[in-house]
């Protein structure tokens, strides 16, 4: 089972939304990490055959996915960032409707919907109208519609957008549970969404994949190290100007800062264990969540 992307490019007039991207994915969870506007959504839409590339290829087990057509789409489950639904449909009726579009027989659809609703904790609201669900419940219903055909490839675009911390944790656990025996590609600009569940991280910047490896290897590859230091408030500006600063906290003694630097920023700085959030700051030059609208 192999999804292979080779020199994939997508141009929109004068903008290269995706620029010569190449990577290979198999079973497991892949985290596509980058700021808004990096090209993540365009890449995912091409993987779902919703947008054709300007150049390059995408193959599934050696076959071009655009030539495979419906054969490929039967293997695919997709949750876009803003997925559509009929607000006056009940959750159960919505799922049966989506199942009919996917060509799933009614008896099989009913059984599959019941199983998945239980798995995501929505059995108790299956007769509730979609418009009455909370944001987290709607995202879980979105996961169910993507999983109805038991896909080999599950693509999730910013699946935790707008969720509270508890729903985000629930969603991450659910994605991890669903990842057995399939390929899951999850795009996000929120580091914590992929830090603990992704087998491999793909860092995307300005339309290109700049780094692809395990979270551990990506963290260890960062040239700069993470330091914790306490400085007088009057000196805070110096460090903000001259270093990459991931955290600032005012305390009675001054300001406690977390800084990325190859060398010890001052004599009292304490070396800390680096995390994926530090890598995000190092490669993208800003904190997670910043950036322009997604392309």
Protein backbone atom coordinates (compact mmCIF):
# COMPACT_ATOMS: atom_id res chain seq x y z
CA UNK A 1 0.00 0.00 0.00
CA UNK A 2 1.75 3.15 -1.23
CA UNK A 3 0.63 6.67 -2.06
CA UNK A 4 3.43 8.34 -4.01
CA UNK A 5 3.65 12.04 -4.88
CA UNK A 6 6.24 13.00 -7.50
CA UNK A 7 7.23 16.59 -8.33
CA UNK A 8 3.66 17.75 -7.77
CA UNK A 9 3.00 21.39 -8.69
CA UNK A 10 -0.14 23.52 -8.75
CA UNK A 11 -0.16 27.04 -10.16
CA UNK A 12 -2.90 29.60 -9.62
CA UNK A 13 -2.10 32.43 -12.04
CA UNK A 14 1.18 33.83 -10.68
CA UNK A 15 1.12 31.82 -7.44
CA UNK A 16 2.68 28.40 -6.91
CA UNK A 17 0.36 26.99 -4.27
CA UNK A 18 2.23 23.67 -4.38
CA UNK A 19 5.78 23.58 -5.70
CA UNK A 20 7.45 20.32 -6.82
CA UNK A 21 6.35 18.27 -3.80
CA UNK A 22 7.58 14.68 -3.61
CA UNK A 23 6.94 12.14 -0.84
CA UNK A 24 5.81 8.55 -0.29
CA UNK A 25 3.29 7.41 2.33
CA UNK A 26 2.07 4.02 3.55
CA UNK A 27 0.17 2.81 6.62
CA UNK A 28 0.14 5.16 9.61
CA UNK A 29 -0.58 8.75 10.58
CA UNK A 30 1.13 11.56 8.66
CA UNK A 31 0.97 15.10 10.00
CA UNK A 32 1.08 17.84 7.36
CA UNK A 33 2.26 20.79 9.41
CA UNK A 34 2.55 24.39 8.29
CA UNK A 35 1.20 27.87 8.82
CA UNK A 36 -2.00 28.98 7.09
CA UNK A 37 -1.25 29.72 3.45
CA UNK A 38 1.47 27.06 3.13
CA UNK A 39 -0.46 25.14 0.46
CA UNK A 40 -1.75 22.29 2.62
CA UNK A 41 -5.37 22.46 1.46
CA UNK A 42 -4.40 22.62 -2.23
CA UNK A 43 -2.21 19.54 -1.79
CA UNK A 44 -5.01 17.65 -0.05
CA UNK A 45 -7.55 18.63 -2.70
CA UNK A 46 -5.23 17.20 -5.35
CA UNK A 47 -4.87 13.99 -3.33
CA UNK A 48 -8.69 13.79 -3.32
CA UNK A 49 -8.80 14.37 -7.14
CA UNK A 50 -10.81 17.58 -6.59
CA UNK A 51 -8.07 19.67 -8.22
CA UNK A 52 -5.80 18.60 -11.05
CA UNK A 53 -2.09 19.38 -10.72
CA UNK A 54 -0.32 21.69 -13.16
CA UNK A 55 2.45 19.10 -13.35
CA UNK A 56 3.71 16.03 -11.51
CA UNK A 57 1.96 12.81 -10.56
CA UNK A 58 0.15 11.08 -7.70
CA UNK A 59 0.02 7.28 -7.80
CA UNK A 60 -1.61 4.62 -5.64
CA UNK A 61 0.30 1.33 -5.80
CA UNK A 62 1.79 2.49 -9.08
CA UNK A 63 -1.47 3.64 -10.71
CA UNK A 64 -2.21 7.29 -11.49
CA UNK A 65 -5.08 8.33 -9.21
CA UNK A 66 -6.71 10.54 -11.86
CA UNK A 67 -6.73 7.64 -14.32
CA UNK A 68 -8.13 5.32 -11.61
CA UNK A 69 -11.10 7.67 -11.12
CA UNK A 70 -13.92 5.99 -9.18
CA UNK A 71 -11.72 3.01 -8.31
CA UNK A 72 -9.45 5.36 -6.34
CA UNK A 73 -12.28 7.35 -4.76
CA UNK A 74 -13.73 4.14 -3.31
CA UNK A 75 -10.52 3.88 -1.27
CA UNK A 76 -10.78 7.47 -0.07
CA UNK A 77 -12.34 9.18 2.96
CA UNK A 78 -12.15 12.97 3.13
CA UNK A 79 -13.06 15.51 5.81
CA UNK A 80 -12.58 19.05 4.46
CA UNK A 81 -12.09 21.95 6.82
CA UNK A 82 -15.63 23.16 6.08
CA UNK A 83 -17.67 20.10 5.19
CA UNK A 84 -21.19 20.52 3.92
CA UNK A 85 -24.30 19.06 5.52
CA UNK A 86 -28.06 19.56 5.43
CA UNK A 87 -28.89 21.33 8.72
CA UNK A 88 -32.40 19.86 9.03
CA UNK A 89 -31.24 16.25 8.48
CA UNK A 90 -30.81 14.16 11.59
CA UNK A 91 -27.31 12.81 12.10
CA UNK A 92 -28.46 9.32 11.14
CA UNK A 93 -30.33 10.47 8.00
CA UNK A 94 -27.35 12.59 6.95
CA UNK A 95 -25.05 9.57 7.19
CA UNK A 96 -27.42 7.35 5.21
CA UNK A 97 -27.66 10.05 2.56
CA UNK A 98 -23.85 10.28 2.27
CA UNK A 99 -23.67 6.48 2.17
CA UNK A 100 -26.09 6.42 -0.79
CA UNK A 101 -23.90 8.94 -2.65
CA UNK A 102 -20.92 6.66 -2.01
CA UNK A 103 -22.84 3.71 -3.45
CA UNK A 104 -23.08 1.77 -0.19
CA UNK A 105 -26.08 -0.55 0.01
CA UNK A 106 -28.76 0.50 2.55
CA UNK A 107 -28.42 -2.53 4.85
CA UNK A 108 -24.62 -2.21 4.95
CA UNK A 109 -24.88 1.58 5.39
CA UNK A 110 -27.18 1.29 8.39
CA UNK A 111 -24.91 -1.24 10.09
CA UNK A 112 -21.78 0.77 9.36
CA UNK A 113 -23.36 4.05 10.54
CA UNK A 114 -24.50 2.49 13.82
CA UNK A 115 -21.03 1.04 14.46
CA UNK A 116 -19.22 4.30 13.72
CA UNK A 117 -21.67 6.45 15.71
CA UNK A 118 -20.98 4.28 18.72
CA UNK A 119 -17.24 4.48 18.13
CA UNK A 120 -17.23 8.29 18.07
CA UNK A 121 -19.71 8.66 20.93
CA UNK A 122 -22.66 10.00 18.93
CA UNK A 123 -25.17 7.16 19.32
CA UNK A 124 -27.15 9.21 21.82
CA UNK A 125 -27.69 12.09 19.37
CA UNK A 126 -28.20 10.16 16.13
CA UNK A 127 -31.81 11.44 15.87
CA UNK A 128 -30.81 15.03 16.59
CA UNK A 129 -30.71 17.53 13.71
CA UNK A 130 -27.26 18.40 12.44
CA UNK A 131 -27.81 22.12 13.10
CA UNK A 132 -28.33 21.36 16.80
CA UNK A 133 -24.95 19.70 17.28
CA UNK A 134 -21.99 21.37 18.96
CA UNK A 135 -18.87 22.09 16.91
CA UNK A 136 -17.11 19.02 18.28
CA UNK A 137 -20.08 16.77 17.54
CA UNK A 138 -20.25 18.06 13.96
CA UNK A 139 -16.57 17.26 13.44
CA UNK A 140 -17.16 13.76 14.79
CA UNK A 141 -20.11 13.36 12.43
CA UNK A 142 -17.73 14.50 9.69
CA UNK A 143 -15.29 11.75 10.62
CA UNK A 144 -18.11 9.19 10.45
CA UNK A 145 -19.14 10.28 6.92
CA UNK A 146 -15.48 10.02 5.84
CA UNK A 147 -15.25 6.51 7.33
CA UNK A 148 -18.51 5.07 5.95
CA UNK A 149 -16.77 3.27 3.08
CA UNK A 150 -14.00 1.95 5.38
CA UNK A 151 -11.36 3.87 3.40
CA UNK A 152 -7.76 2.84 2.96
CA UNK A 153 -6.82 6.53 2.73
CA UNK A 154 -8.28 9.01 5.23
CA UNK A 155 -7.56 12.68 4.56
CA UNK A 156 -8.43 15.25 7.23
CA UNK A 157 -8.02 18.98 6.60
CA UNK A 158 -7.70 21.02 9.84
CA UNK A 159 -10.01 18.56 11.65
CA UNK A 160 -9.77 20.26 15.05
CA UNK A 161 -10.39 23.82 13.85
CA UNK A 162 -12.62 25.65 16.31
CA UNK A 163 -12.73 22.85 18.89
CA UNK A 164 -12.21 23.36 22.61
CA UNK A 165 -9.25 21.59 24.30
CA UNK A 166 -11.31 18.60 25.49
CA UNK A 167 -12.80 18.02 22.04
CA UNK A 168 -9.34 18.38 20.49
CA UNK A 169 -7.98 15.64 22.75
CA UNK A 170 -10.97 13.40 22.01
CA UNK A 171 -10.47 13.97 18.29
CA UNK A 172 -6.76 13.14 18.40
CA UNK A 173 -7.48 9.92 20.28
CA UNK A 174 -10.16 9.01 17.75
CA UNK A 175 -7.83 9.62 14.80
CA UNK A 176 -5.16 7.46 16.43
CA UNK A 177 -7.72 4.70 16.93
CA UNK A 178 -8.88 4.89 13.31
CA UNK A 179 -5.35 4.77 11.88
CA UNK A 180 -4.88 1.00 12.08
CA UNK A 181 -4.43 -0.61 8.65
CA UNK A 182 -4.90 2.63 6.75
CA UNK A 183 -3.10 5.79 5.72
CA UNK A 184 -4.22 8.90 7.61
CA UNK A 185 -3.04 12.32 6.42
CA UNK A 186 -3.93 15.14 8.80
CA UNK A 187 -3.18 18.76 7.93
CA UNK A 188 -2.94 21.37 10.66
CA UNK A 189 -1.15 24.50 11.82
CA UNK A 190 -1.59 23.42 15.46
CA UNK A 191 1.48 21.51 16.63
CA UNK A 192 -0.25 19.60 19.44
CA UNK A 193 -2.66 18.01 16.93
CA UNK A 194 0.12 15.84 15.48
CA UNK A 195 2.92 15.84 18.05
CA UNK A 196 1.91 12.59 19.75
CA UNK A 197 -0.10 10.71 17.11
CA UNK A 198 1.85 11.19 13.86
CA UNK A 199 4.32 8.53 12.74
CA UNK A 200 5.83 11.05 10.35
CA UNK A 201 5.70 14.85 10.10
CA UNK A 202 5.74 16.68 6.76
CA UNK A 203 6.75 20.33 7.24
CA UNK A 204 5.22 22.46 4.45
CA UNK A 205 6.30 26.02 3.76
CA UNK A 206 5.47 28.23 0.77
CA UNK A 207 4.16 25.29 -1.23
CA UNK A 208 7.11 22.98 -0.62
CA UNK A 209 7.82 20.11 1.77
CA UNK A 210 10.91 21.33 3.58
CA UNK A 211 11.36 18.33 5.86
CA UNK A 212 9.77 14.89 6.27
CA UNK A 213 10.71 12.54 9.09
CA UNK A 214 9.60 11.15 12.44
CA UNK A 215 8.83 13.76 15.12
CA UNK A 216 11.86 12.59 17.11
CA UNK A 217 14.25 12.93 14.15
CA UNK A 218 12.86 16.31 13.17
CA UNK A 219 13.33 17.61 16.72
CA UNK A 220 16.89 16.28 16.92
CA UNK A 221 17.75 17.77 13.50
CA UNK A 222 17.07 21.32 14.66
CA UNK A 223 20.43 23.17 14.87
CA UNK A 224 19.27 25.46 17.66
CA UNK A 225 18.53 24.32 21.20
CA UNK A 226 15.83 25.38 23.64
CA UNK A 227 16.81 27.44 26.69
CA UNK A 228 14.89 28.72 29.70
CA UNK A 229 16.05 31.92 31.35
CA UNK A 230 14.90 34.55 33.81
CA UNK A 231 15.75 38.14 32.90
CA UNK A 232 14.88 41.60 34.25
CA UNK A 233 11.91 43.18 32.47
CA UNK A 234 14.15 45.93 31.14
CA UNK A 235 16.19 43.34 29.19
CA UNK A 236 13.21 41.56 27.59
CA UNK A 237 13.36 43.68 24.43
CA UNK A 238 16.96 42.64 23.77
CA UNK A 239 16.05 38.96 23.70
CA UNK A 240 12.88 39.48 21.66
CA UNK A 241 14.94 41.36 19.06
CA UNK A 242 17.90 39.00 18.86
CA UNK A 243 16.45 35.52 19.44
CA UNK A 244 13.55 33.30 18.47
CA UNK A 245 11.34 33.42 21.55
CA UNK A 246 8.59 30.81 21.93
CA UNK A 247 7.26 31.78 25.35
CA UNK A 248 7.29 34.82 27.62
CA UNK A 249 5.88 34.80 31.15
CA UNK A 250 5.93 37.69 33.59
CA UNK A 251 6.83 36.62 37.13
CA UNK A 252 7.56 38.66 40.29
CA UNK A 253 11.32 38.31 39.72
CA UNK A 254 11.17 39.56 36.11
CA UNK A 255 10.40 37.73 32.87
CA UNK A 256 10.81 34.00 32.24
CA UNK A 257 11.53 33.23 28.59
CA UNK A 258 11.95 30.16 26.39
CA UNK A 259 14.48 30.89 23.66
CA UNK A 260 15.93 29.03 20.69
CA UNK A 261 19.67 29.51 20.25
CA UNK A 262 22.71 27.49 19.19
CA UNK A 263 24.67 29.00 22.07
CA UNK A 264 23.68 29.69 25.66
CA UNK A 265 21.93 33.11 25.55
CA UNK A 266 23.28 34.10 28.99
CA UNK A 267 25.25 32.53 31.81
CA UNK A 268 22.14 31.55 33.79
CA UNK A 269 20.19 30.00 30.90
CA UNK A 270 19.05 26.40 31.50
CA UNK A 271 19.06 23.90 28.65
CA UNK A 272 15.57 22.43 28.08
CA UNK A 273 14.37 19.43 26.11
CA UNK A 274 13.30 20.59 22.65
CA UNK A 275 9.74 19.93 21.46
CA UNK A 276 7.95 19.97 18.12
CA UNK A 277 6.62 23.46 18.88
CA UNK A 278 10.23 24.66 19.01
CA UNK A 279 10.83 23.09 15.60
CA UNK A 280 7.76 24.91 14.26
CA UNK A 281 9.15 28.21 15.51
CA UNK A 282 12.61 27.47 14.11
CA UNK A 283 11.49 26.54 10.60
CA UNK A 284 8.55 28.89 10.21
CA UNK A 285 9.84 31.83 12.21
CA UNK A 286 6.58 32.44 14.05
CA UNK A 287 4.38 30.83 16.60
CA UNK A 288 1.78 28.25 15.65
CA UNK A 289 -1.51 29.65 14.47
CA UNK A 290 -0.12 32.77 12.87
CA UNK A 291 -0.27 33.41 9.16
CA UNK A 292 -2.57 34.23 6.28
CA UNK A 293 -5.65 32.37 5.11
CA UNK A 294 -5.10 28.89 3.78
CA UNK A 295 -4.57 28.25 0.06
